[in-house]
PDB file of all heavy atoms in Angstrom:
ATOM      1  N   ILE A   1      15.109  94.068 121.442  1.00  0.00           N
ATOM      2  CA  ILE A   1      14.440  93.016 120.655  1.00  0.00           C
ATOM      3  C   ILE A   1      15.012  92.954 119.247  1.00  0.00           C
ATOM      4  O   ILE A   1      15.277  91.869 118.701  1.00  0.00           O
ATOM      5  CB  ILE A   1      12.919  93.283 120.622  1.00  0.00           C
ATOM      6  CG1 ILE A   1      12.335  93.123 122.023  1.00  0.00           C
ATOM      7  CG2 ILE A   1      12.225  92.354 119.641  1.00  0.00           C
ATOM      8  CD1 ILE A   1      10.947  93.699 122.166  1.00  0.00           C
ATOM      9  N   LEU A   2      15.214  94.125 118.635  1.00  0.00           N
ATOM     10  CA  LEU A   2      15.733  94.163 117.260  1.00  0.00           C
ATOM     11  C   LEU A   2      17.145  93.596 117.166  1.00  0.00           C
ATOM     12  O   LEU A   2      17.535  93.070 116.120  1.00  0.00           O
ATOM     13  CB  LEU A   2      15.687  95.595 116.726  1.00  0.00           C
ATOM     14  CG  LEU A   2      14.279  96.168 116.502  1.00  0.00           C
ATOM     15  CD1 LEU A   2      14.358  97.616 116.045  1.00  0.00           C
ATOM     16  CD2 LEU A   2      13.509  95.343 115.476  1.00  0.00           C
ATOM     17  N   VAL A   3      17.925  93.695 118.229  1.00  0.00           N
ATOM     18  CA  VAL A   3      19.259  93.077 118.244  1.00  0.00           C
ATOM     19  C   VAL A   3      19.128  91.562 118.117  1.00  0.00           C
ATOM     20  O   VAL A   3      19.860  90.915 117.355  1.00  0.00           O
ATOM     21  CB  VAL A   3      20.019  93.449 119.535  1.00  0.00           C
ATOM     22  CG1 VAL A   3      21.288  92.607 119.673  1.00  0.00           C
ATOM     23  CG2 VAL A   3      20.360  94.930 119.544  1.00  0.00           C
ATOM     24  N   HIS A   4      18.165  90.983 118.845  1.00  0.00           N
ATOM     25  CA  HIS A   4      17.936  89.540 118.771  1.00  0.00           C
ATOM     26  C   HIS A   4      17.373  89.124 117.409  1.00  0.00           C
ATOM     27  O   HIS A   4      17.547  87.985 116.985  1.00  0.00           O
ATOM     28  CB  HIS A   4      16.972  89.102 119.873  1.00  0.00           C
ATOM     29  CG  HIS A   4      17.539  89.175 121.257  1.00  0.00           C
ATOM     30  ND1 HIS A   4      18.562  88.364 121.687  1.00  0.00           N
ATOM     31  CD2 HIS A   4      17.238  89.992 122.309  1.00  0.00           C
ATOM     32  CE1 HIS A   4      18.857  88.652 122.953  1.00  0.00           C
ATOM     33  NE2 HIS A   4      18.073  89.648 123.351  1.00  0.00           N
ATOM     34  N   LEU A   5      16.694  90.065 116.719  1.00  0.00           N
ATOM     35  CA  LEU A   5      16.083  89.754 115.423  1.00  0.00           C
ATOM     36  C   LEU A   5      16.990  90.093 114.242  1.00  0.00           C
ATOM     37  O   LEU A   5      16.643  89.823 113.098  1.00  0.00           O
ATOM     38  CB  LEU A   5      14.759  90.518 115.266  1.00  0.00           C
ATOM     39  CG  LEU A   5      13.608  90.078 116.177  1.00  0.00           C
ATOM     40  CD1 LEU A   5      12.468  91.079 116.088  1.00  0.00           C
ATOM     41  CD2 LEU A   5      13.113  88.685 115.788  1.00  0.00           C
ATOM     42  N   SER A   6      18.144  90.678 114.510  1.00  0.00           N
ATOM     43  CA  SER A   6      18.993  91.214 113.440  1.00  0.00           C
ATOM     44  C   SER A   6      19.503  90.142 112.484  1.00  0.00           C
ATOM     45  O   SER A   6      19.787  90.432 111.319  1.00  0.00           O
ATOM     46  CB  SER A   6      20.179  91.978 114.043  1.00  0.00           C
ATOM     47  OG  SER A   6      20.970  91.102 114.853  1.00  0.00           O
ATOM     48  N   GLU A   7      19.613  88.913 112.925  1.00  0.00           N
ATOM     49  CA  GLU A   7      20.141  87.856 112.058  1.00  0.00           C
ATOM     50  C   GLU A   7      19.043  86.921 111.559  1.00  0.00           C
ATOM     51  O   GLU A   7      19.328  85.862 111.001  1.00  0.00           O
ATOM     52  CB  GLU A   7      21.206  87.048 112.822  1.00  0.00           C
ATOM     53  CG  GLU A   7      22.425  87.882 113.205  1.00  0.00           C
ATOM     54  CD  GLU A   7      23.477  87.062 113.927  1.00  0.00           C
ATOM     55  OE1 GLU A   7      23.255  85.834 114.113  1.00  0.00           O
ATOM     56  OE2 GLU A   7      24.512  87.644 114.312  1.00  0.00           O
ATOM     57  N   GLU A   8      17.797  87.307 111.761  1.00  0.00           N
ATOM     58  CA  GLU A   8      16.668  86.480 111.319  1.00  0.00           C
ATOM     59  C   GLU A   8      16.072  87.046 110.031  1.00  0.00           C
ATOM     60  O   GLU A   8      16.241  88.233 109.723  1.00  0.00           O
ATOM     61  CB  GLU A   8      15.585  86.429 112.407  1.00  0.00           C
ATOM     62  CG  GLU A   8      16.094  85.997 113.768  1.00  0.00           C
ATOM     63  CD  GLU A   8      16.692  84.596 113.766  1.00  0.00           C
ATOM     64  OE1 GLU A   8      16.272  83.770 112.938  1.00  0.00           O
ATOM     65  OE2 GLU A   8      17.593  84.329 114.586  1.00  0.00           O
ATOM     66  N   THR A   9      15.390  86.185 109.291  1.00  0.00           N
ATOM     67  CA  THR A   9      14.799  86.604 108.006  1.00  0.00           C
ATOM     68  C   THR A   9      13.273  86.725 108.086  1.00  0.00           C
ATOM     69  O   THR A   9      12.610  86.853 107.060  1.00  0.00           O
ATOM     70  CB  THR A   9      15.172  85.605 106.906  1.00  0.00           C
ATOM     71  OG1 THR A   9      14.716  84.296 107.277  1.00  0.00           O
ATOM     72  CG2 THR A   9      16.669  85.575 106.674  1.00  0.00           C
ATOM     73  N   VAL A  10      12.722  86.658 109.281  1.00  0.00           N
ATOM     74  CA  VAL A  10      11.271  86.745 109.433  1.00  0.00           C
ATOM     75  C   VAL A  10      10.787  88.163 109.139  1.00  0.00           C
ATOM     76  O   VAL A  10      11.559  89.128 109.209  1.00  0.00           O
ATOM     77  CB  VAL A  10      10.839  86.346 110.861  1.00  0.00           C
ATOM     78  CG1 VAL A  10      11.130  84.879 111.129  1.00  0.00           C
ATOM     79  CG2 VAL A  10      11.511  87.233 111.885  1.00  0.00           C
ATOM     80  N   THR A  11       9.508  88.266 108.835  1.00  0.00           N
ATOM     81  CA  THR A  11       8.877  89.576 108.672  1.00  0.00           C
ATOM     82  C   THR A  11       8.627  90.173 110.055  1.00  0.00           C
ATOM     83  O   THR A  11       8.054  89.509 110.933  1.00  0.00           O
ATOM     84  CB  THR A  11       7.543  89.441 107.917  1.00  0.00           C
ATOM     85  OG1 THR A  11       7.795  88.880 106.633  1.00  0.00           O
ATOM     86  CG2 THR A  11       6.866  90.801 107.753  1.00  0.00           C
ATOM     87  N   ILE A  12       9.051  91.413 110.253  1.00  0.00           N
ATOM     88  CA  ILE A  12       8.906  92.074 111.557  1.00  0.00           C
ATOM     89  C   ILE A  12       7.885  93.198 111.430  1.00  0.00           C
ATOM     90  O   ILE A  12       7.986  94.050 110.543  1.00  0.00           O
ATOM     91  CB  ILE A  12      10.260  92.644 112.046  1.00  0.00           C
ATOM     92  CG1 ILE A  12      11.313  91.526 112.116  1.00  0.00           C
ATOM     93  CG2 ILE A  12      10.099  93.316 113.402  1.00  0.00           C
ATOM     94  CD1 ILE A  12      12.725  92.041 112.328  1.00  0.00           C
ATOM     95  N   LYS A  13       6.903  93.205 112.318  1.00  0.00           N
ATOM     96  CA  LYS A  13       5.882  94.241 112.329  1.00  0.00           C
ATOM     97  C   LYS A  13       5.777  94.819 113.727  1.00  0.00           C
ATOM     98  O   LYS A  13       5.868  94.086 114.717  1.00  0.00           O
ATOM     99  CB  LYS A  13       4.525  93.678 111.888  1.00  0.00           C
ATOM    100  CG  LYS A  13       4.516  93.133 110.459  1.00  0.00           C
ATOM    101  CD  LYS A  13       3.158  92.569 110.099  1.00  0.00           C
ATOM    102  CE  LYS A  13       3.167  91.956 108.696  1.00  0.00           C
ATOM    103  NZ  LYS A  13       3.252  92.972 107.650  1.00  0.00           N
ATOM    104  N   VAL A  14       5.604  96.134 113.809  1.00  0.00           N
ATOM    105  CA  VAL A  14       5.454  96.819 115.094  1.00  0.00           C
ATOM    106  C   VAL A  14       4.018  97.325 115.218  1.00  0.00           C
ATOM    107  O   VAL A  14       3.513  97.997 114.316  1.00  0.00           O
ATOM    108  CB  VAL A  14       6.446  97.993 115.227  1.00  0.00           C
ATOM    109  CG1 VAL A  14       6.229  98.725 116.545  1.00  0.00           C
ATOM    110  CG2 VAL A  14       7.885  97.495 115.128  1.00  0.00           C
ATOM    111  N   VAL A  15       3.365  96.977 116.315  1.00  0.00           N
ATOM    112  CA  VAL A  15       2.005  97.451 116.584  1.00  0.00           C
ATOM    113  C   VAL A  15       2.123  98.644 117.539  1.00  0.00           C
ATOM    114  O   VAL A  15       2.475  98.470 118.710  1.00  0.00           O
ATOM    115  CB  VAL A  15       1.145  96.344 117.234  1.00  0.00           C
ATOM    116  CG1 VAL A  15      -0.280  96.838 117.433  1.00  0.00           C
ATOM    117  CG2 VAL A  15       1.171  95.087 116.383  1.00  0.00           C
ATOM    118  N   PRO A  16       1.871  99.869 117.075  1.00  0.00           N
ATOM    119  CA  PRO A  16       2.026 101.039 117.956  1.00  0.00           C
ATOM    120  C   PRO A  16       0.951 101.066 119.029  1.00  0.00           C
ATOM    121  O   PRO A  16      -0.205 100.740 118.768  1.00  0.00           O
ATOM    122  CB  PRO A  16       1.887 102.226 116.994  1.00  0.00           C
ATOM    123  CG  PRO A  16       1.077 101.694 115.856  1.00  0.00           C
ATOM    124  CD  PRO A  16       1.435 100.238 115.723  1.00  0.00           C
ATOM    125  N   ASP A  17       1.347 101.436 120.225  1.00  0.00           N
ATOM    126  CA  ASP A  17       0.400 101.509 121.342  1.00  0.00           C
ATOM    127  C   ASP A  17      -0.357 102.835 121.288  1.00  0.00           C
ATOM    128  O   ASP A  17      -0.234 103.686 122.169  1.00  0.00           O
ATOM    129  CB  ASP A  17       1.155 101.377 122.667  1.00  0.00           C
ATOM    130  CG  ASP A  17       0.198 101.268 123.856  1.00  0.00           C
ATOM    131  OD1 ASP A  17      -0.963 100.888 123.635  1.00  0.00           O
ATOM    132  OD2 ASP A  17       0.620 101.564 124.982  1.00  0.00           O
ATOM    133  N   LEU A  18      -1.128 102.981 120.217  1.00  0.00           N
ATOM    134  CA  LEU A  18      -1.867 104.234 120.016  1.00  0.00           C
ATOM    135  C   LEU A  18      -3.349 103.977 119.804  1.00  0.00           C
ATOM    136  O   LEU A  18      -4.082 104.863 119.361  1.00  0.00           O
ATOM    137  CB  LEU A  18      -1.310 104.986 118.796  1.00  0.00           C
ATOM    138  CG  LEU A  18       0.154 105.441 118.895  1.00  0.00           C
ATOM    139  CD1 LEU A  18       0.631 105.951 117.549  1.00  0.00           C
ATOM    140  CD2 LEU A  18       0.312 106.520 119.950  1.00  0.00           C
ATOM    141  N   LEU A  19      -3.796 102.741 120.100  1.00  0.00           N
ATOM    142  CA  LEU A  19      -5.183 102.388 119.812  1.00  0.00           C
ATOM    143  C   LEU A  19      -6.169 103.312 120.517  1.00  0.00           C
ATOM    144  O   LEU A  19      -7.218 103.652 119.960  1.00  0.00           O
ATOM    145  CB  LEU A  19      -5.445 100.935 120.227  1.00  0.00           C
ATOM    146  CG  LEU A  19      -4.770  99.856 119.375  1.00  0.00           C
ATOM    147  CD1 LEU A  19      -5.077  98.481 119.942  1.00  0.00           C
ATOM    148  CD2 LEU A  19      -5.220  99.944 117.933  1.00  0.00           C
ATOM    149  N   GLN A  20      -5.832 103.720 121.770  1.00  0.00           N
ATOM    150  CA  GLN A  20      -6.760 104.568 122.504  1.00  0.00           C
ATOM    151  C   GLN A  20      -6.844 105.967 121.931  1.00  0.00           C
ATOM    152  O   GLN A  20      -7.758 106.722 122.248  1.00  0.00           O
ATOM    153  CB  GLN A  20      -6.389 104.630 124.002  1.00  0.00           C
ATOM    154  CG  GLN A  20      -5.075 105.352 124.298  1.00  0.00           C
ATOM    155  CD  GLN A  20      -3.889 104.411 124.331  1.00  0.00           C
ATOM    156  OE1 GLN A  20      -3.841 103.463 123.556  1.00  0.00           O
ATOM    157  NE2 GLN A  20      -2.951 104.663 125.226  1.00  0.00           N
ATOM    158  N   PHE A  21      -5.865 106.327 121.083  1.00  0.00           N
ATOM    159  CA  PHE A  21      -5.870 107.669 120.491  1.00  0.00           C
ATOM    160  C   PHE A  21      -6.406 107.679 119.069  1.00  0.00           C
ATOM    161  O   PHE A  21      -6.670 108.739 118.507  1.00  0.00           O
ATOM    162  CB  PHE A  21      -4.455 108.259 120.495  1.00  0.00           C
ATOM    163  CG  PHE A  21      -3.808 108.255 121.846  1.00  0.00           C
ATOM    164  CD1 PHE A  21      -2.679 107.493 122.085  1.00  0.00           C
ATOM    165  CD2 PHE A  21      -4.334 109.012 122.885  1.00  0.00           C
ATOM    166  CE1 PHE A  21      -2.065 107.490 123.339  1.00  0.00           C
ATOM    167  CE2 PHE A  21      -3.734 109.007 124.137  1.00  0.00           C
ATOM    168  CZ  PHE A  21      -2.607 108.239 124.365  1.00  0.00           C
ATOM    169  N   MET A  22      -6.530 106.503 118.441  1.00  0.00           N
ATOM    170  CA  MET A  22      -6.927 106.433 117.039  1.00  0.00           C
ATOM    171  C   MET A  22      -8.440 106.587 116.915  1.00  0.00           C
ATOM    172  O   MET A  22      -9.201 105.895 117.588  1.00  0.00           O
ATOM    173  CB  MET A  22      -6.484 105.120 116.418  1.00  0.00           C
ATOM    174  CG  MET A  22      -4.972 105.042 116.241  1.00  0.00           C
ATOM    175  SD  MET A  22      -4.458 103.547 115.372  1.00  0.00           S
ATOM    176  CE  MET A  22      -2.727 103.906 115.092  1.00  0.00           C
ATOM    177  N   ASN A  23      -8.862 107.480 116.038  1.00  0.00           N
ATOM    178  CA  ASN A  23     -10.279 107.750 115.885  1.00  0.00           C
ATOM    179  C   ASN A  23     -10.725 107.540 114.449  1.00  0.00           C
ATOM    180  O   ASN A  23     -10.971 106.425 114.034  1.00  0.00           O
ATOM    181  CB  ASN A  23     -10.573 109.182 116.352  1.00  0.00           C
ATOM    182  CG  ASN A  23     -10.326 109.347 117.840  1.00  0.00           C
ATOM    183  OD1 ASN A  23     -10.946 108.659 118.643  1.00  0.00           O
ATOM    184  ND2 ASN A  23      -9.427 110.241 118.218  1.00  0.00           N
ATOM    185  N   LEU A  24     -10.783 108.606 113.660  1.00  0.00           N
ATOM    186  CA  LEU A  24     -11.311 108.519 112.301  1.00  0.00           C
ATOM    187  C   LEU A  24     -10.208 108.283 111.284  1.00  0.00           C
ATOM    188  O   LEU A  24      -9.214 108.993 111.266  1.00  0.00           O
ATOM    189  CB  LEU A  24     -12.046 109.821 111.940  1.00  0.00           C
ATOM    190  CG  LEU A  24     -13.204 110.205 112.857  1.00  0.00           C
ATOM    191  CD1 LEU A  24     -13.782 111.520 112.397  1.00  0.00           C
ATOM    192  CD2 LEU A  24     -14.265 109.135 112.885  1.00  0.00           C
ATOM    193  N   GLN A  25     -10.402 107.282 110.435  1.00  0.00           N
ATOM    194  CA  GLN A  25      -9.505 107.048 109.301  1.00  0.00           C
ATOM    195  C   GLN A  25      -8.044 106.990 109.724  1.00  0.00           C
ATOM    196  O   GLN A  25      -7.165 107.520 109.053  1.00  0.00           O
ATOM    197  CB  GLN A  25      -9.713 108.145 108.247  1.00  0.00           C
ATOM    198  CG  GLN A  25     -11.131 108.253 107.738  1.00  0.00           C
ATOM    199  CD  GLN A  25     -11.604 107.006 107.040  1.00  0.00           C
ATOM    200  OE1 GLN A  25     -10.915 106.456 106.190  1.00  0.00           O
ATOM    201  NE2 GLN A  25     -12.788 106.535 107.383  1.00  0.00           N
ATOM    202  N   ALA A  26      -7.780 106.365 110.874  1.00  0.00           N
ATOM    203  CA  ALA A  26      -6.398 106.250 111.331  1.00  0.00           C
ATOM    204  C   ALA A  26      -5.631 105.340 110.378  1.00  0.00           C
ATOM    205  O   ALA A  26      -6.163 104.379 109.836  1.00  0.00           O
ATOM    206  CB  ALA A  26      -6.365 105.691 112.754  1.00  0.00           C
ATOM    207  N   GLY A  27      -4.365 105.636 110.190  1.00  0.00           N
ATOM    208  CA  GLY A  27      -3.546 104.824 109.295  1.00  0.00           C
ATOM    209  C   GLY A  27      -2.138 105.368 109.200  1.00  0.00           C
ATOM    210  O   GLY A  27      -1.760 106.315 109.892  1.00  0.00           O
ATOM    211  N   VAL A  28      -1.363 104.739 108.328  1.00  0.00           N
ATOM    212  CA  VAL A  28       0.027 105.124 108.151  1.00  0.00           C
ATOM    213  C   VAL A  28       0.192 105.785 106.787  1.00  0.00           C
ATOM    214  O   VAL A  28      -0.259 105.254 105.766  1.00  0.00           O
ATOM    215  CB  VAL A  28       0.967 103.904 108.263  1.00  0.00           C
ATOM    216  CG1 VAL A  28       2.413 104.320 108.043  1.00  0.00           C
ATOM    217  CG2 VAL A  28       0.809 103.239 109.630  1.00  0.00           C
ATOM    218  N   GLU A  29       0.818 106.957 106.775  1.00  0.00           N
ATOM    219  CA  GLU A  29       1.080 107.670 105.537  1.00  0.00           C
ATOM    220  C   GLU A  29       2.588 107.677 105.278  1.00  0.00           C
ATOM    221  O   GLU A  29       3.381 107.366 106.167  1.00  0.00           O
ATOM    222  CB  GLU A  29       0.556 109.107 105.632  1.00  0.00           C
ATOM    223  CG  GLU A  29      -0.935 109.185 105.916  1.00  0.00           C
ATOM    224  CD  GLU A  29      -1.386 110.599 106.202  1.00  0.00           C
ATOM    225  OE1 GLU A  29      -0.511 111.502 106.240  1.00  0.00           O
ATOM    226  OE2 GLU A  29      -2.590 110.812 106.405  1.00  0.00           O
ATOM    227  N   ASP A  30       2.959 108.026 104.062  1.00  0.00           N
ATOM    228  CA  ASP A  30       4.375 108.063 103.697  1.00  0.00           C
ATOM    229  C   ASP A  30       4.744 109.484 103.288  1.00  0.00           C
ATOM    230  O   ASP A  30       4.091 110.083 102.430  1.00  0.00           O
ATOM    231  CB  ASP A  30       4.643 107.092 102.540  1.00  0.00           C
ATOM    232  CG  ASP A  30       6.122 107.091 102.152  1.00  0.00           C
ATOM    233  OD1 ASP A  30       6.867 106.308 102.743  1.00  0.00           O
ATOM    234  OD2 ASP A  30       6.511 107.874 101.263  1.00  0.00           O
ATOM    235  N   LEU A  31       5.779 110.030 103.934  1.00  0.00           N
ATOM    236  CA  LEU A  31       6.274 111.357 103.590  1.00  0.00           C
ATOM    237  C   LEU A  31       7.721 111.216 103.143  1.00  0.00           C
ATOM    238  O   LEU A  31       8.637 111.207 103.962  1.00  0.00           O
ATOM    239  CB  LEU A  31       6.154 112.305 104.791  1.00  0.00           C
ATOM    240  CG  LEU A  31       6.688 113.731 104.588  1.00  0.00           C
ATOM    241  CD1 LEU A  31       5.919 114.428 103.467  1.00  0.00           C
ATOM    242  CD2 LEU A  31       6.601 114.528 105.874  1.00  0.00           C
ATOM    243  N   ASP A  32       7.901 111.034 101.824  1.00  0.00           N
ATOM    244  CA  ASP A  32       9.236 110.894 101.255  1.00  0.00           C
ATOM    245  C   ASP A  32      10.038 109.807 101.982  1.00  0.00           C
ATOM    246  O   ASP A  32      11.191 109.995 102.359  1.00  0.00           O
ATOM    247  CB  ASP A  32       9.984 112.230 101.321  1.00  0.00           C
ATOM    248  CG  ASP A  32      11.234 112.221 100.424  1.00  0.00           C
ATOM    249  OD1 ASP A  32      11.259 111.423  99.465  1.00  0.00           O
ATOM    250  OD2 ASP A  32      12.160 112.995 100.702  1.00  0.00           O
ATOM    251  N   GLY A  33       9.383 108.656 102.188  1.00  0.00           N
ATOM    252  CA  GLY A  33      10.048 107.528 102.826  1.00  0.00           C
ATOM    253  C   GLY A  33       9.924 107.485 104.331  1.00  0.00           C
ATOM    254  O   GLY A  33      10.303 106.499 104.963  1.00  0.00           O
ATOM    255  N   MET A  34       9.383 108.547 104.946  1.00  0.00           N
ATOM    256  CA  MET A  34       9.211 108.567 106.404  1.00  0.00           C
ATOM    257  C   MET A  34       7.777 108.188 106.749  1.00  0.00           C
ATOM    258  O   MET A  34       6.833 108.843 106.303  1.00  0.00           O
ATOM    259  CB  MET A  34       9.511 109.962 106.959  1.00  0.00           C
ATOM    260  CG  MET A  34       9.262 110.069 108.465  1.00  0.00           C
ATOM    261  SD  MET A  34       9.534 111.746 109.077  1.00  0.00           S
ATOM    262  CE  MET A  34      11.327 111.851 108.944  1.00  0.00           C
ATOM    263  N   PRO A  35       7.560 107.103 107.543  1.00  0.00           N
ATOM    264  CA  PRO A  35       6.199 106.715 107.920  1.00  0.00           C
ATOM    265  C   PRO A  35       5.603 107.695 108.923  1.00  0.00           C
ATOM    266  O   PRO A  35       6.247 108.053 109.916  1.00  0.00           O
ATOM    267  CB  PRO A  35       6.385 105.324 108.543  1.00  0.00           C
ATOM    268  CG  PRO A  35       7.799 105.312 109.025  1.00  0.00           C
ATOM    269  CD  PRO A  35       8.577 106.185 108.076  1.00  0.00           C
ATOM    270  N   ILE A  36       4.394 108.159 108.652  1.00  0.00           N
ATOM    271  CA  ILE A  36       3.682 109.065 109.534  1.00  0.00           C
ATOM    272  C   ILE A  36       2.383 108.393 109.951  1.00  0.00           C
ATOM    273  O   ILE A  36       1.605 107.961 109.093  1.00  0.00           O
ATOM    274  CB  ILE A  36       3.356 110.407 108.831  1.00  0.00           C
ATOM    275  CG1 ILE A  36       4.621 111.037 108.222  1.00  0.00           C
ATOM    276  CG2 ILE A  36       2.665 111.356 109.800  1.00  0.00           C
ATOM    277  CD1 ILE A  36       5.633 111.507 109.228  1.00  0.00           C
TER     278      ILE A  36
END
């Protein structure tokens, strides 16, 4: 998919398939530029 999007200027967002595992205060953290 990203190959097809490589020449586009749209905003790209990925929805992780982790909804069934997410419980309290789930979210994305940053560790020196690495998303956790």
